[in-house]
Amino acid sequence: MQPFKIIVEKHQDGFVAYPVGMRGVVVGEGDTYEEAVADVTSAIRFHIETFGKNAFSDDDIVDARLAEVVI
């Protein structure tokens, strides 16, 4: 088992979640936070089963942060 950092966004029509540091597009969604996390967890498992070691970025991500800037 390996831990993954994921980003969960709340939108007007539900939640979207995606992992940090994976190659390709891996996204989960749901009406609730919990549904989005469960969906992206399933998507991560499928992505790893399909692509193996190629599913991961070459960089080891140590930390992920959310930052906000004003443009």
Protein backbone atom coordinates (compact mmCIF):
# COMPACT_ATOMS: atom_id res chain seq x y z
CA MET A 1 0.00 0.00 0.00
CA GLN A 2 1.21 3.47 -0.89
CA PRO A 3 -0.15 6.83 0.26
CA PHE A 4 -1.17 9.38 -2.37
CA LYS A 5 -1.74 13.09 -2.07
CA ILE A 6 -4.97 14.16 -3.74
CA ILE A 7 -6.60 17.49 -4.45
CA VAL A 8 -10.35 17.77 -3.85
CA GLU A 9 -12.20 20.71 -5.37
CA LYS A 10 -15.72 21.74 -4.45
CA HIS A 11 -17.79 23.01 -7.38
CA GLN A 12 -21.39 24.19 -7.54
CA ASP A 13 -22.51 20.82 -8.91
CA GLY A 14 -20.33 18.50 -6.81
CA PHE A 15 -16.74 17.56 -6.04
CA VAL A 16 -13.76 16.72 -8.26
CA ALA A 17 -10.64 14.94 -7.00
CA TYR A 18 -7.31 14.14 -8.63
CA PRO A 19 -3.95 12.81 -7.43
CA VAL A 20 -0.70 14.75 -7.39
CA GLY A 21 2.28 13.23 -9.20
CA MET A 22 0.70 10.74 -11.56
CA ARG A 23 1.15 10.69 -15.32
CA GLY A 24 -1.95 10.92 -17.43
CA VAL A 25 -5.41 11.97 -16.43
CA VAL A 26 -6.80 10.44 -13.24
CA VAL A 27 -9.96 12.11 -11.95
CA GLY A 28 -12.76 11.21 -9.57
CA GLU A 29 -16.03 12.99 -9.00
CA GLY A 30 -19.08 12.81 -6.79
CA ASP A 31 -21.95 14.67 -5.23
CA THR A 32 -20.11 14.59 -1.89
CA TYR A 33 -16.50 14.85 -0.75
CA GLU A 34 -16.55 11.18 0.27
CA GLU A 35 -17.91 10.06 -3.12
CA ALA A 36 -15.22 12.00 -4.98
CA VAL A 37 -12.45 10.52 -2.79
CA ALA A 38 -13.82 6.99 -3.27
CA ASP A 39 -14.08 7.53 -7.02
CA VAL A 40 -10.54 8.87 -7.39
CA THR A 41 -9.21 6.03 -5.20
CA SER A 42 -10.78 3.55 -7.62
CA ALA A 43 -9.38 5.49 -10.59
CA ILE A 44 -5.87 5.49 -9.07
CA ARG A 45 -6.01 1.71 -8.55
CA PHE A 46 -7.14 1.17 -12.14
CA HIS A 47 -4.45 3.51 -13.48
CA ILE A 48 -1.70 1.67 -11.59
CA GLU A 49 -3.03 -1.75 -12.68
CA THR A 50 -3.10 -0.54 -16.30
CA PHE A 51 0.22 1.35 -16.52
CA GLY A 52 2.31 -0.07 -13.67
CA LYS A 53 5.42 1.97 -12.86
CA ASN A 54 4.74 4.21 -15.88
CA ALA A 55 1.74 5.63 -14.01
CA PHE A 56 4.03 7.65 -11.76
CA SER A 57 5.88 10.88 -12.38
CA ASP A 58 9.68 10.71 -12.43
CA ASP A 59 9.82 13.25 -9.60
CA ASP A 60 9.25 12.19 -6.01
CA ILE A 61 6.76 14.70 -4.65
CA VAL A 62 7.54 15.40 -1.03
CA ASP A 63 4.86 17.99 -0.37
CA ALA A 64 1.82 19.49 -2.08
CA ARG A 65 0.37 22.87 -1.18
CA LEU A 66 -2.50 24.99 -2.30
CA ALA A 67 -1.55 28.58 -3.00
CA GLU A 68 -3.59 31.55 -4.07
CA VAL A 69 -2.40 34.52 -6.09
CA VAL A 70 -4.22 37.62 -7.25
CA ILE A 71 -3.88 38.45 -10.95
